[in-house]
Amino acid sequence: MSIAAAPQAPMRSPDRAPETTQTRLTAVPAPLPAPTAPRLPFVVLVSMLLVGGVVGLLVFNTSMQQSAFQEQRLQEQATTLAAREQALDGELKKMEDPHKIAAEAKQLGMVVPQTAAMLRVPDAKVEGEAVPADRSATPPLHPKVAKPYSVLVAEQKAAEQAAAKKKAAEQAKKKAERQEAEEQQRTSRDEAR
């Protein structure tokens, strides 16, 4: 339809204002498509990010596992070294035992001096008189201590029980030998018949 062929509007009454212009309709061109970025570089970029993330996680996980193994190895080594330190400390305490030191000194021929002389370093003076030591002044290292009566009685009972067991074992052995000898005599008699 064209505008010229359009029917005219009816006349309006004078109290209404007349319309002065009529809008013209024109054709508007279709909107242009929005510019689109090429899809291939975007897909490649996202793929690279995903692959990089997965590889990064694998590397991180591997390094954490290696750290855990190294930590375990170091813990075991620390435990071993602590046990060794404890053993060496025990050996050191045994070596520092005064009785052991005294016994070794006695084996080397050392004796306890009766009197000792002291040298004062700042004054360079000797206090006391140095006398050679002899073996008579050296006390015994391990004085003998009498055992309590209860220990002596227990040892005597244990010795009696051991002797009784030994005697019973000997009697059982003799009895077994006699029975074996009698058995052999019986078998030899039976064979002779």
C-alpha atoms as a PDB file:
ATOM      1  CA  MET A   1       0.000   0.000   0.000  1.00  0.00           C
ATOM      2  CA  SER A   2       1.115   3.373  -0.775  1.00  0.00           C
ATOM      3  CA  ILE A   3       0.570   6.481   1.133  1.00  0.00           C
ATOM      4  CA  ALA A   4      -1.249   8.202  -1.725  1.00  0.00           C
ATOM      5  CA  ALA A   5      -3.807   5.469  -1.987  1.00  0.00           C
ATOM      6  CA  ALA A   6      -4.397   5.455   1.711  1.00  0.00           C
ATOM      7  CA  PRO A   7      -7.811   6.682   2.777  1.00  0.00           C
ATOM      8  CA  GLN A   8      -7.891  10.063   4.280  1.00  0.00           C
ATOM      9  CA  ALA A   9      -8.643  10.474   7.853  1.00  0.00           C
ATOM     10  CA  PRO A  10     -12.040  11.882   8.719  1.00  0.00           C
ATOM     11  CA  MET A  11     -12.213  15.461   9.587  1.00  0.00           C
ATOM     12  CA  ARG A  12     -11.904  16.302  13.112  1.00  0.00           C
ATOM     13  CA  SER A  13     -13.843  18.640  15.124  1.00  0.00           C
ATOM     14  CA  PRO A  14     -12.514  22.117  15.658  1.00  0.00           C
ATOM     15  CA  ASP A  15     -11.854  21.630  19.381  1.00  0.00           C
ATOM     16  CA  ARG A  16      -9.030  19.157  18.559  1.00  0.00           C
ATOM     17  CA  ALA A  17      -5.757  20.269  17.245  1.00  0.00           C
ATOM     18  CA  PRO A  18      -5.027  19.196  13.734  1.00  0.00           C
ATOM     19  CA  GLU A  19      -2.111  16.839  13.177  1.00  0.00           C
ATOM     20  CA  THR A  20       0.524  18.638  11.313  1.00  0.00           C
ATOM     21  CA  THR A  21       2.826  15.957  10.107  1.00  0.00           C
ATOM     22  CA  GLN A  22       2.517  12.437   9.348  1.00  0.00           C
ATOM     23  CA  THR A  23       5.555  10.131   9.913  1.00  0.00           C
ATOM     24  CA  ARG A  24       6.977   8.494   6.934  1.00  0.00           C
ATOM     25  CA  LEU A  25       7.972   4.872   7.091  1.00  0.00           C
ATOM     26  CA  THR A  26      11.220   3.953   5.496  1.00  0.00           C
ATOM     27  CA  ALA A  27      12.990   0.621   5.134  1.00  0.00           C
ATOM     28  CA  VAL A  28      15.914   0.039   7.500  1.00  0.00           C
ATOM     29  CA  PRO A  29      18.730  -2.153   6.337  1.00  0.00           C
ATOM     30  CA  ALA A  30      19.270  -5.412   8.236  1.00  0.00           C
ATOM     31  CA  PRO A  31      21.899  -5.198  10.991  1.00  0.00           C
ATOM     32  CA  LEU A  32      25.341  -6.353  10.018  1.00  0.00           C
ATOM     33  CA  PRO A  33      26.540  -9.516  11.670  1.00  0.00           C
ATOM     34  CA  ALA A  34      28.843  -8.881  14.691  1.00  0.00           C
ATOM     35  CA  PRO A  35      32.467  -9.459  13.895  1.00  0.00           C
ATOM     36  CA  THR A  36      33.433 -12.920  15.215  1.00  0.00           C
ATOM     37  CA  ALA A  37      36.913 -13.944  16.261  1.00  0.00           C
ATOM     38  CA  PRO A  38      38.274 -17.007  14.572  1.00  0.00           C
ATOM     39  CA  ARG A  39      37.457 -20.065  16.688  1.00  0.00           C
ATOM     40  CA  LEU A  40      40.659 -22.064  16.084  1.00  0.00           C
ATOM     41  CA  PRO A  41      43.064 -19.834  18.100  1.00  0.00           C
ATOM     42  CA  PHE A  42      40.614 -19.754  21.024  1.00  0.00           C
ATOM     43  CA  VAL A  43      40.264 -23.538  21.075  1.00  0.00           C
ATOM     44  CA  VAL A  44      44.053 -23.937  20.865  1.00  0.00           C
ATOM     45  CA  LEU A  45      44.549 -21.462  23.744  1.00  0.00           C
ATOM     46  CA  VAL A  46      42.026 -23.219  26.015  1.00  0.00           C
ATOM     47  CA  SER A  47      43.500 -26.629  25.142  1.00  0.00           C
ATOM     48  CA  MET A  48      47.024 -25.388  25.917  1.00  0.00           C
ATOM     49  CA  LEU A  49      45.853 -24.014  29.287  1.00  0.00           C
ATOM     50  CA  LEU A  50      44.171 -27.310  30.175  1.00  0.00           C
ATOM     51  CA  VAL A  51      47.165 -29.414  29.138  1.00  0.00           C
ATOM     52  CA  GLY A  52      49.536 -27.051  30.986  1.00  0.00           C
ATOM     53  CA  GLY A  53      47.387 -27.275  34.130  1.00  0.00           C
ATOM     54  CA  VAL A  54      47.319 -31.083  34.052  1.00  0.00           C
ATOM     55  CA  VAL A  55      51.088 -31.283  33.456  1.00  0.00           C
ATOM     56  CA  GLY A  56      51.672 -28.768  36.263  1.00  0.00           C
ATOM     57  CA  LEU A  57      49.545 -30.833  38.652  1.00  0.00           C
ATOM     58  CA  LEU A  58      51.434 -34.017  37.719  1.00  0.00           C
ATOM     59  CA  VAL A  59      54.799 -32.327  38.285  1.00  0.00           C
ATOM     60  CA  PHE A  60      53.618 -30.904  41.609  1.00  0.00           C
ATOM     61  CA  ASN A  61      52.258 -34.291  42.739  1.00  0.00           C
ATOM     62  CA  THR A  62      55.499 -36.044  41.748  1.00  0.00           C
ATOM     63  CA  SER A  63      57.637 -33.537  43.624  1.00  0.00           C
ATOM     64  CA  MET A  64      55.438 -33.897  46.715  1.00  0.00           C
ATOM     65  CA  GLN A  65      55.813 -37.684  46.611  1.00  0.00           C
ATOM     66  CA  GLN A  66      59.589 -37.388  46.251  1.00  0.00           C
ATOM     67  CA  SER A  67      59.634 -35.031  49.227  1.00  0.00           C
ATOM     68  CA  ALA A  68      57.576 -37.521  51.243  1.00  0.00           C
ATOM     69  CA  PHE A  69      59.986 -40.365  50.383  1.00  0.00           C
ATOM     70  CA  GLN A  70      62.965 -38.209  51.316  1.00  0.00           C
ATOM     71  CA  GLU A  71      61.283 -37.234  54.588  1.00  0.00           C
ATOM     72  CA  GLN A  72      60.643 -40.900  55.416  1.00  0.00           C
ATOM     73  CA  ARG A  73      64.267 -41.785  54.611  1.00  0.00           C
ATOM     74  CA  LEU A  74      65.530 -38.956  56.822  1.00  0.00           C
ATOM     75  CA  GLN A  75      63.195 -40.018  59.651  1.00  0.00           C
ATOM     76  CA  GLU A  76      64.575 -43.569  59.490  1.00  0.00           C
ATOM     77  CA  GLN A  77      68.125 -42.213  59.460  1.00  0.00           C
ATOM     78  CA  ALA A  78      67.357 -39.984  62.465  1.00  0.00           C
ATOM     79  CA  THR A  79      65.916 -42.976  64.348  1.00  0.00           C
ATOM     80  CA  THR A  80      68.999 -45.064  63.552  1.00  0.00           C
ATOM     81  CA  LEU A  81      71.329 -42.284  64.625  1.00  0.00           C
ATOM     82  CA  ALA A  82      69.386 -41.758  67.856  1.00  0.00           C
ATOM     83  CA  ALA A  83      69.682 -45.469  68.677  1.00  0.00           C
ATOM     84  CA  ARG A  84      73.402 -45.386  67.880  1.00  0.00           C
ATOM     85  CA  GLU A  85      73.846 -42.309  70.065  1.00  0.00           C
ATOM     86  CA  GLN A  86      72.086 -44.093  72.920  1.00  0.00           C
ATOM     87  CA  ALA A  87      74.315 -47.156  72.522  1.00  0.00           C
ATOM     88  CA  LEU A  88      77.466 -45.023  72.434  1.00  0.00           C
ATOM     89  CA  ASP A  89      76.271 -43.107  75.489  1.00  0.00           C
ATOM     90  CA  GLY A  90      75.836 -46.426  77.326  1.00  0.00           C
ATOM     91  CA  GLU A  91      79.340 -47.524  76.327  1.00  0.00           C
ATOM     92  CA  LEU A  92      80.727 -44.187  77.497  1.00  0.00           C
ATOM     93  CA  LYS A  93      79.025 -44.572  80.872  1.00  0.00           C
ATOM     94  CA  LYS A  94      80.497 -48.079  81.196  1.00  0.00           C
ATOM     95  CA  MET A  95      83.943 -46.700  80.393  1.00  0.00           C
ATOM     96  CA  GLU A  96      83.527 -43.916  82.957  1.00  0.00           C
ATOM     97  CA  ASP A  97      82.661 -46.396  85.724  1.00  0.00           C
ATOM     98  CA  PRO A  98      85.107 -45.768  88.612  1.00  0.00           C
ATOM     99  CA  HIS A  99      85.463 -49.498  89.345  1.00  0.00           C
ATOM    100  CA  LYS A 100      86.465 -50.225  85.757  1.00  0.00           C
ATOM    101  CA  ILE A 101      88.939 -47.348  85.714  1.00  0.00           C
ATOM    102  CA  ALA A 102      90.428 -48.528  89.018  1.00  0.00           C
ATOM    103  CA  ALA A 103      90.708 -52.123  87.743  1.00  0.00           C
ATOM    104  CA  GLU A 104      92.481 -50.991  84.566  1.00  0.00           C
ATOM    105  CA  ALA A 105      94.783 -48.753  86.595  1.00  0.00           C
ATOM    106  CA  LYS A 106      95.652 -51.685  88.849  1.00  0.00           C
ATOM    107  CA  GLN A 107      96.393 -53.875  85.801  1.00  0.00           C
ATOM    108  CA  LEU A 108      98.785 -51.186  84.588  1.00  0.00           C
ATOM    109  CA  GLY A 109     100.567 -51.237  87.952  1.00  0.00           C
ATOM    110  CA  MET A 110      99.252 -47.950  89.287  1.00  0.00           C
ATOM    111  CA  VAL A 111      98.816 -47.547  93.030  1.00  0.00           C
ATOM    112  CA  VAL A 112      97.152 -45.001  95.301  1.00  0.00           C
ATOM    113  CA  PRO A 113      99.730 -42.597  96.825  1.00  0.00           C
ATOM    114  CA  GLN A 114      99.865 -42.219 100.606  1.00  0.00           C
ATOM    115  CA  THR A 115     100.577 -38.520 100.472  1.00  0.00           C
ATOM    116  CA  ALA A 116     100.382 -36.223  97.531  1.00  0.00           C
ATOM    117  CA  ALA A 117     102.242 -33.024  96.791  1.00  0.00           C
ATOM    118  CA  MET A 118     100.441 -30.117  95.158  1.00  0.00           C
ATOM    119  CA  LEU A 119     101.984 -27.603  92.818  1.00  0.00           C
ATOM    120  CA  ARG A 120     100.615 -24.067  92.992  1.00  0.00           C
ATOM    121  CA  VAL A 121     100.999 -22.693  89.490  1.00  0.00           C
ATOM    122  CA  PRO A 122     100.823 -18.935  90.142  1.00  0.00           C
ATOM    123  CA  ASP A 123     103.399 -19.105  92.942  1.00  0.00           C
ATOM    124  CA  ALA A 124     105.380 -22.031  91.544  1.00  0.00           C
ATOM    125  CA  LYS A 125     105.486 -23.537  95.057  1.00  0.00           C
ATOM    126  CA  VAL A 126     105.083 -27.176  96.058  1.00  0.00           C
ATOM    127  CA  GLU A 127     102.772 -27.853  98.989  1.00  0.00           C
ATOM    128  CA  GLY A 128     103.272 -31.079 100.890  1.00  0.00           C
ATOM    129  CA  GLU A 129     105.934 -33.712 100.466  1.00  0.00           C
ATOM    130  CA  ALA A 130     105.899 -36.184  97.608  1.00  0.00           C
ATOM    131  CA  VAL A 131     106.503 -39.756  98.762  1.00  0.00           C
ATOM    132  CA  PRO A 132     106.675 -42.736  96.375  1.00  0.00           C
ATOM    133  CA  ALA A 133     103.592 -44.900  96.527  1.00  0.00           C
ATOM    134  CA  ASP A 134     103.695 -48.607  97.288  1.00  0.00           C
ATOM    135  CA  ARG A 135     101.192 -51.384  96.880  1.00  0.00           C
ATOM    136  CA  SER A 136     100.486 -51.688 100.583  1.00  0.00           C
ATOM    137  CA  ALA A 137      98.630 -48.351 100.566  1.00  0.00           C
ATOM    138  CA  THR A 138      96.273 -49.399  97.791  1.00  0.00           C
ATOM    139  CA  PRO A 139      92.943 -50.627  99.179  1.00  0.00           C
ATOM    140  CA  PRO A 140      91.204 -53.615  97.565  1.00  0.00           C
ATOM    141  CA  LEU A 141      88.979 -52.627  94.676  1.00  0.00           C
ATOM    142  CA  HIS A 142      86.025 -54.794  95.572  1.00  0.00           C
ATOM    143  CA  PRO A 143      85.874 -55.539  99.278  1.00  0.00           C
ATOM    144  CA  LYS A 144      84.234 -58.859 100.071  1.00  0.00           C
ATOM    145  CA  VAL A 145      80.795 -58.470 101.578  1.00  0.00           C
ATOM    146  CA  ALA A 146      79.307 -61.329 103.544  1.00  0.00           C
ATOM    147  CA  LYS A 147      76.159 -62.726 102.006  1.00  0.00           C
ATOM    148  CA  PRO A 148      72.965 -62.519 104.038  1.00  0.00           C
ATOM    149  CA  TYR A 149      71.881 -65.708 105.804  1.00  0.00           C
ATOM    150  CA  SER A 150      68.763 -66.063 103.653  1.00  0.00           C
ATOM    151  CA  VAL A 151      70.892 -66.045 100.492  1.00  0.00           C
ATOM    152  CA  LEU A 152      73.225 -68.686 101.922  1.00  0.00           C
ATOM    153  CA  VAL A 153      70.244 -70.920 102.867  1.00  0.00           C
ATOM    154  CA  ALA A 154      68.699 -70.502  99.394  1.00  0.00           C
ATOM    155  CA  GLU A 155      72.012 -71.392  97.714  1.00  0.00           C
ATOM    156  CA  GLN A 156      72.374 -74.479  99.954  1.00  0.00           C
ATOM    157  CA  LYS A 157      68.839 -75.641  99.109  1.00  0.00           C
ATOM    158  CA  ALA A 158      69.454 -75.109  95.400  1.00  0.00           C
ATOM    159  CA  ALA A 159      72.677 -77.137  95.627  1.00  0.00           C
ATOM    160  CA  GLU A 160      70.861 -79.969  97.467  1.00  0.00           C
ATOM    161  CA  GLN A 161      68.087 -80.014  94.872  1.00  0.00           C
ATOM    162  CA  ALA A 162      70.622 -80.098  92.047  1.00  0.00           C
ATOM    163  CA  ALA A 163      72.448 -82.987  93.731  1.00  0.00           C
ATOM    164  CA  ALA A 164      69.147 -84.863  94.229  1.00  0.00           C
ATOM    165  CA  LYS A 165      68.208 -84.381  90.564  1.00  0.00           C
ATOM    166  CA  LYS A 166      71.638 -85.579  89.468  1.00  0.00           C
ATOM    167  CA  LYS A 167      71.358 -88.668  91.713  1.00  0.00           C
ATOM    168  CA  ALA A 168      67.845 -89.425  90.414  1.00  0.00           C
ATOM    169  CA  ALA A 169      69.065 -89.079  86.833  1.00  0.00           C
ATOM    170  CA  GLU A 170      71.952 -91.481  87.504  1.00  0.00           C
ATOM    171  CA  GLN A 171      69.613 -94.014  89.118  1.00  0.00           C
ATOM    172  CA  ALA A 172      67.193 -93.770  86.181  1.00  0.00           C
ATOM    173  CA  LYS A 173      70.107 -94.272  83.796  1.00  0.00           C
ATOM    174  CA  LYS A 174      71.326 -97.364  85.706  1.00  0.00           C
ATOM    175  CA  LYS A 175      67.803 -98.764  85.792  1.00  0.00           C
ATOM    176  CA  ALA A 176      67.407 -98.226  82.057  1.00  0.00           C
ATOM    177  CA  GLU A 177      70.758 -99.957  81.449  1.00  0.00           C
ATOM    178  CA  ARG A 178      69.703-102.949  83.608  1.00  0.00           C
ATOM    179  CA  GLN A 179      66.388-103.260  81.792  1.00  0.00           C
ATOM    180  CA  GLU A 180      68.161-103.085  78.457  1.00  0.00           C
ATOM    181  CA  ALA A 181      70.647-105.753  79.563  1.00  0.00           C
ATOM    182  CA  GLU A 182      67.803-108.011  80.776  1.00  0.00           C
ATOM    183  CA  GLU A 183      65.961-107.459  77.493  1.00  0.00           C
ATOM    184  CA  GLN A 184      69.047-108.454  75.538  1.00  0.00           C
ATOM    185  CA  GLN A 185      69.468-111.603  77.671  1.00  0.00           C
ATOM    186  CA  ARG A 186      65.839-112.542  77.039  1.00  0.00           C
ATOM    187  CA  THR A 187      66.150-112.047  73.303  1.00  0.00           C
ATOM    188  CA  SER A 188      69.374-114.078  73.220  1.00  0.00           C
ATOM    189  CA  ARG A 189      67.657-116.934  75.200  1.00  0.00           C
ATOM    190  CA  ASP A 190      64.672-116.834  72.882  1.00  0.00           C
ATOM    191  CA  GLU A 191      66.943-117.049  69.864  1.00  0.00           C
ATOM    192  CA  ALA A 192      68.862-119.936  71.376  1.00  0.00           C
ATOM    193  CA  ARG A 193      65.671-121.970  71.751  1.00  0.00           C
END
